[in-house]
N, C-alpha and C. Protein backbone atom coordinates (compact mmCIF):
# COMPACT_ATOMS: atom_id res chain seq x y z
N MET A 1 9.75 -5.15 -16.05
CA MET A 1 9.64 -3.51 -15.86
C MET A 1 10.65 -3.05 -14.87
N ASP A 2 11.41 -1.82 -15.46
CA ASP A 2 12.58 -1.67 -14.37
C ASP A 2 12.04 -0.69 -13.14
N LYS A 3 12.73 -0.25 -12.37
CA LYS A 3 12.37 0.53 -11.27
C LYS A 3 12.02 2.10 -11.89
N GLU A 4 12.94 2.48 -12.57
CA GLU A 4 12.34 3.88 -13.09
C GLU A 4 11.20 3.97 -13.94
N THR A 5 10.75 3.01 -14.59
CA THR A 5 9.45 2.82 -15.49
C THR A 5 8.26 2.64 -14.40
N ILE A 6 8.52 1.82 -13.56
CA ILE A 6 7.46 1.63 -12.31
C ILE A 6 7.13 3.03 -11.65
N ILE A 7 8.27 3.80 -11.35
CA ILE A 7 7.88 4.91 -10.46
C ILE A 7 7.54 6.10 -11.36
N LYS A 8 7.90 6.08 -12.70
CA LYS A 8 7.12 6.99 -13.48
C LYS A 8 5.69 6.85 -13.73
N ASN A 9 5.30 5.41 -13.80
CA ASN A 9 4.01 4.97 -13.88
C ASN A 9 3.22 5.57 -12.81
N LEU A 10 3.66 5.18 -11.52
CA LEU A 10 3.15 5.51 -10.41
C LEU A 10 2.97 6.86 -10.05
N ILE A 11 3.79 7.78 -10.58
CA ILE A 11 3.89 9.33 -10.46
C ILE A 11 2.71 9.77 -11.32
N ALA A 12 2.37 9.26 -12.57
CA ALA A 12 1.71 9.47 -13.60
C ALA A 12 0.41 9.39 -12.94
N ALA A 13 0.14 8.08 -12.14
CA ALA A 13 -1.19 7.82 -11.47
C ALA A 13 -1.48 8.52 -10.29
N GLY A 14 -0.65 9.52 -9.84
CA GLY A 14 -0.89 10.46 -8.74
C GLY A 14 -0.01 10.00 -7.51
N TYR A 15 0.59 8.95 -7.52
CA TYR A 15 1.56 8.51 -6.28
C TYR A 15 2.81 9.27 -6.45
N THR A 16 2.68 10.41 -5.77
CA THR A 16 4.11 11.72 -6.14
C THR A 16 4.91 11.63 -5.07
N THR A 17 4.59 11.14 -3.95
CA THR A 17 5.52 11.19 -2.85
C THR A 17 6.58 10.14 -2.58
N ASN A 18 7.75 10.45 -2.56
CA ASN A 18 8.78 9.23 -2.35
C ASN A 18 8.74 9.14 -0.83
N PHE A 19 8.54 7.92 -0.18
CA PHE A 19 8.67 7.69 1.10
C PHE A 19 9.94 6.70 1.25
N THR A 20 10.46 6.85 2.54
CA THR A 20 11.28 5.90 2.90
C THR A 20 10.66 5.26 4.27
N LEU A 21 10.96 3.97 4.40
CA LEU A 21 10.16 3.02 5.28
C LEU A 21 11.13 3.09 6.64
N ASP A 22 10.82 3.46 7.75
CA ASP A 22 11.50 3.69 9.04
C ASP A 22 10.69 3.29 9.89
N LYS A 23 11.19 2.03 10.48
CA LYS A 23 10.48 1.17 11.60
C LYS A 23 8.92 1.32 11.39
N ASP A 24 8.20 1.70 12.10
CA ASP A 24 6.65 1.60 11.72
C ASP A 24 5.88 3.02 11.35
N CYS A 25 7.01 3.83 10.46
CA CYS A 25 6.70 4.98 10.07
C CYS A 25 6.71 5.27 8.57
N LEU A 26 6.51 6.24 7.71
CA LEU A 26 6.91 6.43 6.47
C LEU A 26 7.50 8.05 6.55
N TYR A 27 8.53 7.99 5.85
CA TYR A 27 9.37 9.47 6.08
C TYR A 27 9.40 10.04 4.62
N CYS A 28 9.07 11.38 4.56
CA CYS A 28 9.14 11.90 3.34
C CYS A 28 10.32 13.04 3.49
N GLY A 29 11.43 12.50 2.96
CA GLY A 29 12.63 13.66 3.03
C GLY A 29 12.54 14.95 2.39
N ILE A 30 11.69 15.24 1.41
CA ILE A 30 11.59 16.49 0.91
C ILE A 30 10.76 17.39 1.99
N THR A 31 9.92 16.87 2.64
CA THR A 31 9.19 17.82 3.73
C THR A 31 9.72 17.53 5.13
N GLU A 32 10.66 16.50 5.29
CA GLU A 32 11.18 15.99 6.33
C GLU A 32 10.00 15.78 7.47
N THR A 33 9.30 15.06 6.88
CA THR A 33 7.88 14.52 7.72
C THR A 33 7.74 13.17 7.96
N THR A 34 7.43 12.89 9.14
CA THR A 34 7.36 11.35 9.33
C THR A 34 5.88 11.00 9.64
N TYR A 35 5.34 9.86 9.01
CA TYR A 35 3.91 9.48 8.85
C TYR A 35 3.78 8.37 9.61
N LEU A 36 2.95 7.85 10.28
CA LEU A 36 2.48 6.49 11.07
C LEU A 36 2.12 5.87 9.84
N LEU A 37 2.77 4.67 9.66
CA LEU A 37 2.38 3.67 8.71
C LEU A 37 1.27 3.04 8.83
N ILE A 38 0.49 3.07 9.92
CA ILE A 38 -0.99 2.58 10.25
C ILE A 38 -2.06 3.40 9.31
N SER A 39 -1.48 4.64 9.24
CA SER A 39 -2.75 5.48 8.67
C SER A 39 -2.63 5.43 7.08
N PHE A 40 -1.83 4.30 6.48
CA PHE A 40 -1.58 4.23 4.91
C PHE A 40 -2.22 2.90 4.68
N ASN A 41 -2.75 2.92 3.37
CA ASN A 41 -3.18 1.73 2.56
C ASN A 41 -2.14 1.36 1.75
N VAL A 42 -1.79 -0.08 1.42
CA VAL A 42 -1.12 -0.42 0.44
C VAL A 42 -2.16 -0.75 -0.86
N ASP A 43 -1.90 0.14 -1.74
CA ASP A 43 -2.68 -0.04 -2.97
C ASP A 43 -2.24 -0.92 -4.15
N LYS A 44 -1.19 -0.99 -4.10
CA LYS A 44 -0.27 -2.02 -5.07
C LYS A 44 0.97 -2.42 -4.57
N GLU A 45 1.44 -3.49 -5.21
CA GLU A 45 2.83 -3.96 -4.70
C GLU A 45 3.34 -4.41 -6.27
N ILE A 46 4.46 -3.96 -6.53
CA ILE A 46 5.13 -4.17 -7.93
C ILE A 46 6.59 -4.59 -7.79
N GLY A 47 6.87 -5.88 -8.07
CA GLY A 47 8.16 -6.53 -8.02
C GLY A 47 8.86 -5.89 -9.25
N PHE A 48 10.37 -6.10 -8.98
CA PHE A 48 11.30 -5.90 -9.90
C PHE A 48 12.59 -6.18 -9.39
N MET A 49 13.54 -6.20 -10.40
CA MET A 49 14.95 -7.07 -10.12
C MET A 49 15.85 -5.95 -10.14
N GLU A 50 16.67 -5.89 -9.17
CA GLU A 50 17.91 -4.78 -9.24
C GLU A 50 19.13 -5.54 -8.76
N ASP A 51 20.20 -5.32 -9.39
CA ASP A 51 21.37 -5.93 -9.36
C ASP A 51 21.50 -7.48 -8.75
N GLY A 52 20.44 -8.07 -9.54
CA GLY A 52 20.30 -9.41 -9.12
C GLY A 52 19.52 -9.72 -7.84
N ILE A 53 18.65 -8.88 -7.32
CA ILE A 53 17.92 -8.75 -6.14
C ILE A 53 16.56 -8.52 -6.32
N ASN A 54 15.48 -9.39 -6.06
CA ASN A 54 14.31 -9.08 -6.27
C ASN A 54 13.84 -8.06 -5.03
N LYS A 55 13.28 -6.85 -5.54
CA LYS A 55 12.87 -5.77 -4.68
C LYS A 55 11.12 -5.62 -5.07
N LYS A 56 10.81 -4.67 -4.17
CA LYS A 56 9.32 -4.40 -4.24
C LYS A 56 9.12 -2.82 -4.25
N ILE A 57 8.15 -2.41 -5.03
CA ILE A 57 7.68 -0.97 -4.68
C ILE A 57 6.24 -1.00 -4.45
N ARG A 58 5.90 -0.50 -3.43
CA ARG A 58 4.65 -0.29 -2.78
C ARG A 58 4.19 0.99 -3.15
N ALA A 59 2.78 1.03 -3.57
CA ALA A 59 1.99 2.34 -3.66
C ALA A 59 1.12 2.28 -2.51
N VAL A 60 1.32 3.62 -1.72
CA VAL A 60 0.56 3.79 -0.66
C VAL A 60 -0.29 4.96 -0.65
N SER A 61 -1.45 5.12 0.11
CA SER A 61 -2.24 6.19 0.32
C SER A 61 -2.83 6.54 1.45
N SER A 62 -2.99 7.66 1.68
CA SER A 62 -3.66 7.89 3.06
C SER A 62 -4.68 8.95 3.06
N GLU A 63 -5.82 8.53 3.26
CA GLU A 63 -7.14 9.55 3.29
C GLU A 63 -6.69 10.42 4.67
N GLU A 64 -6.32 9.99 5.64
CA GLU A 64 -6.03 11.04 7.03
C GLU A 64 -5.11 12.01 6.55
N TYR A 65 -4.07 11.76 5.88
CA TYR A 65 -3.05 12.70 5.33
C TYR A 65 -3.28 13.38 3.93
N GLY A 66 -4.00 12.56 3.51
CA GLY A 66 -4.20 13.22 1.83
C GLY A 66 -3.13 13.01 1.02
N LEU A 67 -2.25 12.01 1.25
CA LEU A 67 -1.32 11.68 0.52
C LEU A 67 -1.17 10.32 -0.31
N LYS A 68 -0.48 10.17 -1.45
CA LYS A 68 -0.44 9.13 -2.22
C LYS A 68 1.11 8.98 -2.66
N GLY A 69 1.78 8.11 -2.54
CA GLY A 69 3.09 7.95 -2.67
C GLY A 69 3.56 6.41 -2.90
N TYR A 70 4.94 6.25 -2.62
CA TYR A 70 5.47 5.11 -2.75
C TYR A 70 6.77 4.70 -2.01
N ASN A 71 7.01 3.64 -1.88
CA ASN A 71 8.30 3.35 -1.26
C ASN A 71 9.03 1.85 -1.80
N VAL A 72 10.26 1.91 -1.93
CA VAL A 72 10.99 0.76 -2.48
C VAL A 72 11.64 0.19 -1.15
N HIS A 73 11.14 -1.35 -1.13
CA HIS A 73 11.97 -2.22 -0.36
C HIS A 73 12.22 -3.41 -0.81
């Protein structure tokens, strides 16, 4: 499965926030908000290939912040 399809499926499942991993935090560029990484659970991790490199997308959620999203790494 390619990256776009994985993200589309995650969004359909409610993981709508696109996070960037920044040290021990997750950052949302749309709201310019930083969240503590320890406040999130990794719900799933999905691997894919991009330009010949193995990468992963993590679906994460936080009850504390009431957010579900994903980050690519």
